[in-house]
Amino acid sequence: EQVHLTLVSGGQYAVMWVTPEPTATSSVIYSRVDAAGRALSDPFEDRGAQYTYELKKLGYTSPQIHGAVIQSLEPASRYAYVVGDEEGGWSRTFYFVTPPSAPGDGPLRVGVLSDTGVTAAGELTMLSMRAMHEYQDLGLARPSSMHLLLHAGDISYANGEQRVWDEFGRLWEPLLASVPFVAALGNHERWTKEAADVPFKARYPLALPRRAPRAPYSRRYTTFAFGLLRVFVLDSEHRRDEGFMKEQKRWLKNELMSVDRSVTPWVVGVWHTPWYHTNKVHSTSGDKFRYALQKVVRGHMDLVISGHVHAYERTHPVHGGAVDPKSGAVHITVGVGGNPESIYRHWLEAREWTAHREAAGYGFGVLEVHNRTHLFWSMRSWGREARDDAVLWPTEEIDHVWVVKHADGLTTTTRSAPAALGGSAGAVLAAATAFILLLLLLACVLRSWTRGADGKGDKRM
């Protein structure tokens, strides 16, 4: 159970899952398939490792956690896979789609979210993202499969309760088993001294262990290339640990200098605590982390994704507290993935770098990389706040923008779609999601009506 895909060790696909007891092997069997699920290649088998983690002060030992790297994948292809072994049995079949190898093969699509939790609102986030992802499989006009999920931290809100990690893994499996999931460390991942960030690093590691059994006490930051993207996942939650911050800063500086913009022209940062926002809550919480790293990232990042603040906000390209289209990055706060702590609805005065902000409700973002010069961002939200006892339909687009790189090195944002790309991607994406959600709602209504008819008989006059 709790099957999910991830990226490790510079961008390799890996799959992780949980069993109650150890198994003889930790195997994944996969093959390339067509849209109908028919095999296009012989099956491959890769074996990985398994381990547990122990929290002695809490009297807790985790279930068996398995991880295996998936080798030799082809671009723009669909794969089927199962995990397990002969002795313990195999999982059901899951599917995933690899990203295009060239911009002309279609946009690279990345789902973006943060601050989720095990709530009705979080489940609706998952279902809506899953509907958008599976739009391709319905044979409709425009594929919208997501190739990657980036999470800016505060995943399960376990806060030391280990069972909540299992609940999150089960709740989100329908989506995470189909799209690689990479997450930054959030403050709720290290809520208690007894657990610290061990559960996060064991269940959602940035690097898999080479041998078993041992807990994967991996580093808390990483970078990887994914199509035209170079992604940097950083740890903003140990910002008061001077030794760690010096280590992360040194590593980040070296890695940023090695980025080849001719290969990965878009550089995206992901960390939990935002540098730029105008909400009254956590208004200065990102300052220390920003002061430590802003000179290092200047001119090296195009887009930054954060969470922590439970509202949505997007900036113009900004650096050093001022609009800077030459050296700045667009900062986006998406802390509205379904958290149990409600939406933060009170704002400070807008700043010159403020582009769009609102606290309409829960939701998620979608990042589309179209080519080396054009990136499209859209934010989708529920029209009202969702509560644990009410799931509200449908989602709506609350913001979208094109991020454009110019030949003179400037980066600008515009809400108008470039004519060369053929109209508004946001409009098509909105129509796709609305259609899928309508189908899901009709299915729920039909199922409810059928149950009523079976239990009460035919009431027609």
Protein backbone atom coordinates (compact mmCIF):
# COMPACT_ATOMS: atom_id res chain seq x y z
CA GLU A 1 0.00 0.00 0.00
CA GLN A 2 0.94 3.72 -0.03
CA VAL A 3 2.58 3.34 -3.44
CA HIS A 4 4.13 6.53 -4.76
CA LEU A 5 6.60 7.58 -7.43
CA THR A 6 9.44 9.98 -6.74
CA LEU A 7 12.66 11.32 -8.23
CA VAL A 8 15.99 10.60 -6.54
CA SER A 9 19.71 10.95 -7.17
CA GLY A 10 19.60 13.69 -9.78
CA GLY A 11 16.25 12.84 -11.36
CA GLN A 12 15.98 9.05 -11.55
CA TYR A 13 12.47 7.64 -11.28
CA ALA A 14 11.90 5.53 -8.19
CA VAL A 15 8.87 3.88 -6.63
CA MET A 16 8.20 3.46 -2.91
CA TRP A 17 5.63 1.42 -1.03
CA VAL A 18 4.83 0.01 2.41
CA THR A 19 4.19 -3.52 3.72
CA PRO A 20 3.34 -4.59 7.28
CA GLU A 21 6.16 -7.17 7.34
CA PRO A 22 9.53 -7.65 5.58
CA THR A 23 9.50 -9.39 2.19
CA ALA A 24 12.12 -11.49 0.44
CA THR A 25 12.80 -8.79 -2.16
CA SER A 26 11.68 -5.25 -3.00
CA SER A 27 10.93 -5.50 -6.71
CA VAL A 28 9.27 -3.36 -9.37
CA ILE A 29 8.26 -4.89 -12.71
CA TYR A 30 7.43 -2.44 -15.49
CA SER A 31 6.96 -2.23 -19.24
CA ARG A 32 6.11 0.39 -21.85
CA VAL A 33 2.45 0.25 -22.89
CA ASP A 34 0.05 1.97 -25.29
CA ALA A 35 -3.02 4.01 -24.31
CA ALA A 36 -5.07 0.82 -23.95
CA GLY A 37 -2.48 -0.78 -21.65
CA ARG A 38 -1.11 -3.22 -24.23
CA ALA A 39 2.58 -3.99 -23.78
CA LEU A 40 5.00 -2.36 -26.22
CA SER A 41 8.13 -3.80 -24.61
CA ASP A 42 9.30 -6.79 -22.63
CA PRO A 43 8.89 -6.38 -18.87
CA PHE A 44 11.87 -5.20 -16.84
CA GLU A 45 12.51 -5.95 -13.17
CA ASP A 46 14.53 -3.76 -10.80
CA ARG A 47 15.20 -4.54 -7.17
CA GLY A 48 15.70 -2.06 -4.37
CA ALA A 49 15.96 -1.91 -0.60
CA GLN A 50 13.64 -2.02 2.40
CA TYR A 51 13.97 -0.54 5.85
CA THR A 52 12.13 0.73 8.91
CA TYR A 53 12.63 3.72 11.16
CA GLU A 54 12.33 3.64 14.94
CA LEU A 55 11.33 6.42 17.32
CA LYS A 56 12.29 5.00 20.70
CA LYS A 57 10.90 7.86 22.80
CA LEU A 58 7.51 7.41 21.15
CA GLY A 59 7.66 3.61 21.26
CA TYR A 60 7.12 3.45 17.51
CA THR A 61 8.57 1.32 14.72
CA SER A 62 7.40 2.03 11.19
CA PRO A 63 6.02 -0.55 8.78
CA GLN A 64 8.44 -1.90 6.20
CA ILE A 65 9.28 0.85 3.68
CA HIS A 66 10.44 -0.25 0.23
CA GLY A 67 12.15 1.72 -2.51
CA ALA A 68 13.43 0.76 -5.96
CA VAL A 69 14.88 2.84 -8.80
CA ILE A 70 13.24 2.39 -12.22
CA GLN A 71 15.89 2.26 -14.95
CA SER A 72 15.97 2.89 -18.71
CA LEU A 73 12.80 4.88 -19.35
CA GLU A 74 11.99 6.40 -22.73
CA PRO A 75 10.64 9.97 -23.06
CA ALA A 76 7.01 10.75 -23.87
CA SER A 77 5.98 7.17 -23.08
CA ARG A 78 3.40 5.45 -20.93
CA TYR A 79 4.47 2.72 -18.50
CA ALA A 80 2.65 0.11 -16.44
CA TYR A 81 4.17 -1.28 -13.25
CA VAL A 82 3.57 -3.47 -10.22
CA VAL A 83 5.54 -3.70 -6.97
CA GLY A 84 6.08 -6.52 -4.46
CA ASP A 85 7.57 -9.98 -4.82
CA GLU A 86 6.59 -13.60 -5.48
CA GLU A 87 6.43 -14.51 -1.82
CA GLY A 88 4.47 -11.54 -0.50
CA GLY A 89 2.40 -10.95 -3.65
CA TRP A 90 2.13 -8.13 -6.15
CA SER A 91 0.25 -4.83 -6.10
CA ARG A 92 -2.38 -3.87 -8.61
CA THR A 93 -1.13 -2.28 -11.84
CA PHE A 94 -0.28 1.42 -11.85
CA TYR A 95 0.57 3.70 -14.79
CA PHE A 96 2.71 6.79 -15.36
CA VAL A 97 3.75 9.00 -18.28
CA THR A 98 7.31 10.22 -18.88
CA PRO A 99 7.90 13.84 -19.98
CA PRO A 100 8.53 14.89 -23.59
CA SER A 101 12.12 14.89 -24.82
CA ALA A 102 11.75 18.13 -26.77
CA PRO A 103 9.52 21.23 -26.45
CA GLY A 104 7.82 20.42 -29.75
CA ASP A 105 6.43 17.21 -28.28
CA GLY A 106 4.09 19.17 -26.02
CA PRO A 107 4.41 21.17 -22.79
CA LEU A 108 6.08 19.79 -19.69
CA ARG A 109 3.37 19.96 -17.04
CA VAL A 110 4.10 20.19 -13.29
CA GLY A 111 1.50 20.15 -10.51
CA VAL A 112 2.38 22.46 -7.61
CA LEU A 113 0.95 22.37 -4.10
CA SER A 114 1.75 22.81 -0.41
CA ASP A 115 0.27 22.50 3.08
CA THR A 116 -2.06 19.59 2.34
CA GLY A 117 -2.93 17.37 5.31
CA VAL A 118 -5.44 14.56 5.73
CA THR A 119 -8.68 16.53 5.29
CA ALA A 120 -11.70 16.67 3.00
CA ALA A 121 -10.18 19.74 1.34
CA GLY A 122 -6.90 17.90 0.83
CA GLU A 123 -8.74 14.96 -0.68
CA LEU A 124 -10.54 17.30 -3.07
CA THR A 125 -7.17 18.74 -4.10
CA MET A 126 -5.98 15.22 -4.84
CA LEU A 127 -9.12 14.24 -6.75
CA SER A 128 -9.06 17.39 -8.88
CA MET A 129 -5.38 16.98 -9.72
CA ARG A 130 -6.02 13.33 -10.53
CA ALA A 131 -8.91 14.29 -12.82
CA MET A 132 -6.69 16.74 -14.66
CA HIS A 133 -3.93 14.14 -14.91
CA GLU A 134 -6.23 11.45 -16.31
CA TYR A 135 -7.82 13.75 -18.87
CA GLN A 136 -5.46 12.27 -21.48
CA ASP A 137 -6.74 8.76 -20.87
CA LEU A 138 -10.30 9.79 -21.72
CA GLY A 139 -9.27 10.38 -25.34
CA LEU A 140 -10.40 14.01 -25.33
CA ALA A 141 -8.95 16.86 -27.37
CA ARG A 142 -5.90 17.96 -25.42
CA PRO A 143 -3.73 15.82 -23.14
CA SER A 144 -3.12 17.32 -19.71
CA SER A 145 -1.21 14.57 -17.95
CA MET A 146 1.09 15.91 -15.27
CA HIS A 147 4.68 14.76 -15.43
CA LEU A 148 5.80 15.86 -11.95
CA LEU A 149 4.38 17.04 -8.60
CA LEU A 150 6.31 19.58 -6.51
CA HIS A 151 5.23 19.99 -2.89
CA ALA A 152 6.55 22.92 -0.85
CA GLY A 153 6.23 21.21 2.54
CA ASP A 154 3.75 20.44 5.36
CA ILE A 155 2.63 17.21 3.77
CA SER A 156 0.52 15.24 6.24
CA TYR A 157 0.34 17.46 9.36
CA ALA A 158 1.19 14.37 11.39
CA ASN A 159 2.74 16.55 14.12
CA GLY A 160 4.34 13.49 15.68
CA GLU A 161 1.35 11.13 15.23
CA GLN A 162 2.85 8.44 12.98
CA ARG A 163 -0.49 6.91 11.94
CA VAL A 164 -1.26 10.16 10.08
CA TRP A 165 1.67 9.50 7.72
CA ASP A 166 0.03 6.19 6.80
CA GLU A 167 -3.35 7.89 6.35
CA PHE A 168 -1.84 10.46 4.00
CA GLY A 169 -0.05 7.76 2.01
CA ARG A 170 -3.31 5.84 1.50
CA LEU A 171 -5.36 8.96 0.71
CA TRP A 172 -2.96 10.26 -1.93
CA GLU A 173 -1.92 6.95 -3.51
CA PRO A 174 -4.37 7.30 -6.47
CA LEU A 175 -2.40 10.35 -7.65
CA LEU A 176 1.12 9.81 -6.29
CA ALA A 177 1.37 6.30 -7.77
CA SER A 178 0.98 7.91 -11.21
CA VAL A 179 3.06 11.10 -10.96
CA PRO A 180 6.54 11.51 -9.41
CA PHE A 181 6.24 13.40 -6.13
CA VAL A 182 9.09 15.50 -4.71
CA ALA A 183 8.60 17.46 -1.49
CA ALA A 184 10.49 20.06 0.52
CA LEU A 185 10.68 19.90 4.30
CA GLY A 186 8.00 21.91 6.13
CA ASN A 187 7.74 22.99 9.76
CA HIS A 188 5.05 20.39 10.45
CA GLU A 189 7.46 17.68 9.27
CA ARG A 190 9.65 18.47 12.30
CA TRP A 191 6.91 19.40 14.77
CA THR A 192 8.18 17.32 17.71
CA LYS A 193 11.69 16.78 19.07
CA GLU A 194 10.99 13.07 19.48
CA ALA A 195 10.24 12.51 15.80
CA ALA A 196 12.15 15.48 14.30
CA ASP A 197 12.21 15.06 10.51
CA VAL A 198 12.95 11.31 10.51
CA PRO A 199 9.47 10.21 9.23
CA PHE A 200 9.64 12.71 6.37
CA LYS A 201 13.09 11.60 5.26
CA ALA A 202 12.22 7.92 5.60
CA ARG A 203 8.91 8.03 3.73
CA TYR A 204 9.71 10.73 1.14
CA PRO A 205 13.51 10.59 0.80
CA LEU A 206 15.51 12.68 -1.64
CA ALA A 207 17.93 9.75 -2.02
CA LEU A 208 17.27 6.02 -1.61
CA PRO A 209 19.51 3.90 0.62
CA ARG A 210 21.99 1.65 -1.20
CA ARG A 211 21.51 -1.31 1.09
CA ALA A 212 19.02 -2.58 3.64
CA PRO A 213 18.14 -2.46 6.40
CA ARG A 214 18.88 1.06 7.56
CA ALA A 215 16.94 4.31 7.77
CA PRO A 216 17.67 6.69 4.87
CA TYR A 217 18.95 9.67 6.82
CA SER A 218 19.41 11.59 3.61
CA ARG A 219 20.20 15.26 3.25
CA ARG A 220 17.32 17.70 3.26
CA TYR A 221 18.07 19.41 -0.05
CA THR A 222 18.61 18.27 -3.64
CA THR A 223 18.63 19.33 -7.28
CA PHE A 224 17.66 17.56 -10.47
CA ALA A 225 17.05 18.23 -14.15
CA PHE A 226 13.62 17.44 -15.56
CA GLY A 227 13.09 18.30 -19.21
CA LEU A 228 13.81 22.02 -19.63
CA LEU A 229 13.61 22.50 -15.85
CA ARG A 230 16.38 22.50 -13.26
CA VAL A 231 14.73 22.16 -9.85
CA PHE A 232 16.33 23.06 -6.51
CA VAL A 233 14.59 21.72 -3.38
CA LEU A 234 15.91 23.51 -0.29
CA ASP A 235 15.43 23.24 3.47
CA SER A 236 14.17 26.51 4.98
CA GLU A 237 13.25 24.95 8.33
CA HIS A 238 16.75 24.58 9.79
CA ARG A 239 17.57 28.22 9.11
CA ARG A 240 18.66 28.78 12.72
CA ASP A 241 21.26 26.00 12.47
CA GLU A 242 24.26 28.04 11.32
CA GLY A 243 26.39 25.00 10.53
CA PHE A 244 23.71 23.46 8.35
CA MET A 245 22.96 26.76 6.62
CA LYS A 246 26.62 27.25 5.71
CA GLU A 247 26.69 23.73 4.29
CA GLN A 248 23.49 24.24 2.27
CA LYS A 249 24.64 27.67 1.05
CA ARG A 250 27.99 26.32 -0.13
CA TRP A 251 26.31 23.41 -1.91
CA LEU A 252 23.70 25.70 -3.52
CA LYS A 253 26.30 28.14 -4.80
CA ASN A 254 28.33 25.38 -6.45
CA GLU A 255 25.26 23.74 -8.01
CA LEU A 256 23.84 27.00 -9.35
CA MET A 257 27.15 27.81 -11.02
CA SER A 258 27.08 24.42 -12.76
CA VAL A 259 23.64 24.92 -14.34
CA ASP A 260 23.82 24.83 -18.15
CA ARG A 261 21.07 27.17 -19.33
CA SER A 262 21.36 25.82 -22.87
CA VAL A 263 20.11 22.49 -21.52
CA THR A 264 17.82 23.61 -18.68
CA PRO A 265 16.88 27.26 -19.37
CA TRP A 266 14.32 27.39 -16.55
CA VAL A 267 15.48 27.18 -12.92
CA VAL A 268 12.86 26.67 -10.20
CA GLY A 269 13.38 26.78 -6.44
CA VAL A 270 11.12 24.97 -3.97
CA TRP A 271 11.17 25.59 -0.22
CA HIS A 272 8.60 25.92 2.52
CA THR A 273 8.88 29.38 4.10
CA PRO A 274 8.25 32.19 1.57
CA TRP A 275 10.60 35.12 1.07
CA TYR A 276 8.02 37.51 -0.35
CA HIS A 277 4.37 37.75 0.71
CA THR A 278 2.04 40.34 2.23
CA ASN A 279 -0.14 38.23 4.52
CA LYS A 280 -0.37 39.26 8.18
CA VAL A 281 0.38 35.70 9.30
CA HIS A 282 4.06 34.67 9.24
CA SER A 283 4.87 38.12 7.84
CA THR A 284 8.59 37.93 8.69
CA SER A 285 9.18 34.19 9.06
CA GLY A 286 11.16 33.92 5.81
CA ASP A 287 13.47 36.89 6.42
CA LYS A 288 16.37 34.99 8.00
CA PHE A 289 16.42 32.39 5.23
CA ARG A 290 16.20 35.13 2.57
CA TYR A 291 19.06 37.14 4.07
CA ALA A 292 21.22 34.00 4.08
CA LEU A 293 20.68 33.02 0.44
CA GLN A 294 19.35 35.93 -1.63
CA LYS A 295 22.78 36.95 -2.94
CA VAL A 296 23.49 33.37 -3.96
CA VAL A 297 20.28 32.96 -5.98
CA ARG A 298 20.35 36.43 -7.54
CA GLY A 299 20.05 36.05 -11.30
CA HIS A 300 20.08 32.25 -11.03
CA MET A 301 16.41 31.40 -10.41
CA ASP A 302 13.35 32.22 -12.51
CA LEU A 303 10.56 30.94 -10.26
CA VAL A 304 10.29 30.12 -6.54
CA ILE A 305 7.50 27.97 -5.04
CA SER A 306 6.74 28.18 -1.30
CA GLY A 307 3.96 27.38 1.18
CA HIS A 308 3.60 27.94 4.95
CA VAL A 309 1.27 30.94 4.51
CA HIS A 310 -2.25 29.60 3.97
CA ALA A 311 -3.20 31.90 1.13
CA TYR A 312 -2.25 32.42 -2.50
CA GLU A 313 0.12 35.15 -3.66
CA ARG A 314 2.28 35.80 -6.73
CA THR A 315 4.92 38.49 -7.22
CA HIS A 316 6.52 40.23 -10.15
CA PRO A 317 10.19 39.29 -10.65
CA VAL A 318 11.71 40.51 -7.37
CA HIS A 319 15.12 40.64 -5.70
CA GLY A 320 16.26 42.46 -2.59
CA GLY A 321 12.76 43.74 -1.88
CA ALA A 322 12.37 45.49 -5.25
CA VAL A 323 11.01 44.63 -8.67
CA ASP A 324 13.99 43.40 -10.71
CA PRO A 325 13.28 41.88 -14.17
CA LYS A 326 17.03 41.38 -14.71
CA SER A 327 18.04 39.44 -11.58
CA GLY A 328 14.78 38.68 -9.78
CA ALA A 329 12.50 35.65 -9.66
CA VAL A 330 8.73 35.30 -9.59
CA HIS A 331 7.82 34.09 -6.08
CA ILE A 332 4.59 32.12 -5.65
CA THR A 333 3.02 31.11 -2.32
CA VAL A 334 0.62 28.15 -2.56
CA GLY A 335 -0.05 27.15 1.06
CA VAL A 336 -3.66 26.17 0.35
CA GLY A 337 -3.49 22.47 -0.51
CA GLY A 338 -6.03 21.43 2.14
CA ASN A 339 -4.43 22.15 5.53
CA PRO A 340 -6.57 21.71 8.67
CA GLU A 341 -5.73 25.20 9.99
CA SER A 342 -8.00 27.24 7.66
CA ILE A 343 -7.21 30.01 5.18
CA TYR A 344 -5.34 33.19 6.23
CA ARG A 345 -7.60 36.00 5.05
CA HIS A 346 -5.94 39.15 6.44
CA TRP A 347 -3.43 41.14 4.44
CA LEU A 348 -0.86 43.84 4.96
CA GLU A 349 -0.58 46.68 2.48
CA ALA A 350 0.39 45.51 -1.01
CA ARG A 351 3.98 46.12 -2.08
CA GLU A 352 5.39 47.24 -5.43
CA TRP A 353 6.30 43.63 -6.22
CA THR A 354 2.80 42.30 -5.42
CA ALA A 355 1.17 40.97 -8.61
CA HIS A 356 -1.82 38.93 -7.39
CA ARG A 357 -3.06 37.75 -4.00
CA GLU A 358 -6.23 36.24 -2.57
CA ALA A 359 -7.53 33.84 0.03
CA ALA A 360 -10.47 32.37 -1.86
CA GLY A 361 -10.03 28.81 -0.61
CA TYR A 362 -8.01 25.66 -1.14
CA GLY A 363 -6.39 24.62 -4.40
CA PHE A 364 -3.23 23.93 -6.40
CA GLY A 365 -1.13 25.33 -9.21
CA VAL A 366 -0.05 24.04 -12.62
CA LEU A 367 3.22 24.98 -14.27
CA GLU A 368 3.57 24.43 -18.02
CA VAL A 369 6.97 24.75 -19.70
CA HIS A 370 6.26 25.38 -23.38
CA ASN A 371 9.74 26.17 -24.67
CA ARG A 372 12.99 27.90 -23.71
CA THR A 373 11.37 31.32 -23.46
CA HIS A 374 7.75 30.78 -22.38
CA LEU A 375 6.41 29.30 -19.17
CA PHE A 376 2.73 29.35 -18.19
CA TRP A 377 1.47 29.40 -14.59
CA SER A 378 -2.13 28.97 -13.45
CA MET A 379 -3.66 28.71 -9.99
CA ARG A 380 -6.88 26.84 -9.35
CA SER A 381 -8.98 27.16 -6.20
CA TRP A 382 -12.34 26.23 -4.75
CA GLY A 383 -14.70 29.20 -4.97
CA ARG A 384 -15.30 28.98 -1.23
CA GLU A 385 -13.38 27.45 1.65
CA ALA A 386 -13.84 23.69 2.00
CA ARG A 387 -14.41 22.26 5.47
CA ASP A 388 -13.84 18.78 6.80
CA ASP A 389 -17.59 18.13 6.62
CA ALA A 390 -18.23 19.62 3.19
CA VAL A 391 -16.63 19.08 -0.19
CA LEU A 392 -17.53 21.95 -2.48
CA TRP A 393 -17.53 21.88 -6.30
CA PRO A 394 -16.16 23.02 -8.67
CA THR A 395 -12.67 24.53 -8.93
CA GLU A 396 -12.02 27.77 -10.75
CA GLU A 397 -8.94 29.47 -12.13
CA ILE A 398 -8.13 32.43 -9.89
CA ASP A 399 -4.89 33.53 -11.52
CA HIS A 400 -2.70 32.87 -14.54
CA VAL A 401 0.38 34.43 -16.06
CA TRP A 402 2.99 33.87 -18.76
CA VAL A 403 6.61 34.20 -17.69
CA VAL A 404 8.67 35.29 -20.69
CA LYS A 405 12.45 35.35 -21.16
CA HIS A 406 13.75 38.00 -23.55
CA ALA A 407 16.92 38.10 -25.62
CA ASP A 408 18.28 41.00 -23.54
CA GLY A 409 18.16 38.86 -20.40
CA LEU A 410 15.06 40.42 -18.89
CA THR A 411 12.18 38.35 -17.52
CA THR A 412 8.66 39.75 -17.72
CA THR A 413 5.17 38.49 -16.92
CA THR A 414 2.01 38.96 -18.97
CA ARG A 415 -1.52 37.62 -18.74
CA SER A 416 -1.90 37.60 -22.54
CA ALA A 417 -1.01 34.37 -24.32
CA PRO A 418 1.74 34.72 -26.94
CA ALA A 419 0.21 34.46 -30.42
CA ALA A 420 2.85 31.94 -31.49
CA LEU A 421 1.59 29.46 -28.90
CA GLY A 422 -1.99 29.56 -30.13
CA GLY A 423 -4.24 31.13 -27.54
CA SER A 424 -4.79 30.79 -23.83
CA ALA A 425 -3.56 27.61 -22.19
CA GLY A 426 -5.44 28.69 -19.10
CA ALA A 427 -8.79 28.61 -20.88
CA VAL A 428 -8.20 25.11 -22.23
CA LEU A 429 -6.95 23.86 -18.87
CA ALA A 430 -9.95 25.35 -17.11
CA ALA A 431 -12.36 23.73 -19.57
CA ALA A 432 -10.64 20.36 -19.19
CA THR A 433 -10.79 20.40 -15.40
CA ALA A 434 -14.38 21.65 -15.27
CA PHE A 435 -15.47 18.88 -17.63
CA ILE A 436 -13.79 16.15 -15.59
CA LEU A 437 -15.16 17.47 -12.30
CA LEU A 438 -18.63 17.58 -13.84
CA LEU A 439 -18.31 13.91 -14.81
CA LEU A 440 -17.22 13.01 -11.28
CA LEU A 441 -20.10 14.96 -9.76
CA LEU A 442 -22.63 13.31 -12.09
CA ALA A 443 -21.21 9.90 -11.16
CA CYS A 444 -21.65 10.69 -7.46
CA VAL A 445 -25.22 11.89 -7.98
CA LEU A 446 -26.08 8.82 -10.07
CA ARG A 447 -24.62 6.47 -7.48
CA SER A 448 -26.58 8.21 -4.72
CA TRP A 449 -29.82 8.03 -6.75
CA THR A 450 -29.26 4.35 -7.54
CA ARG A 451 -28.74 3.52 -3.86
CA GLY A 452 -31.90 5.40 -2.98
CA ALA A 453 -33.90 3.57 -5.63
CA ASP A 454 -32.60 0.19 -4.43
CA GLY A 455 -33.46 0.94 -0.80
CA LYS A 456 -36.83 2.66 -1.13
CA GLY A 457 -38.39 1.31 -4.29
CA ASP A 458 -39.86 3.20 -7.20
CA LYS A 459 -41.61 6.36 -5.98
CA ARG A 460 -42.91 7.51 -9.35
CA MET A 461 -46.64 8.34 -9.38
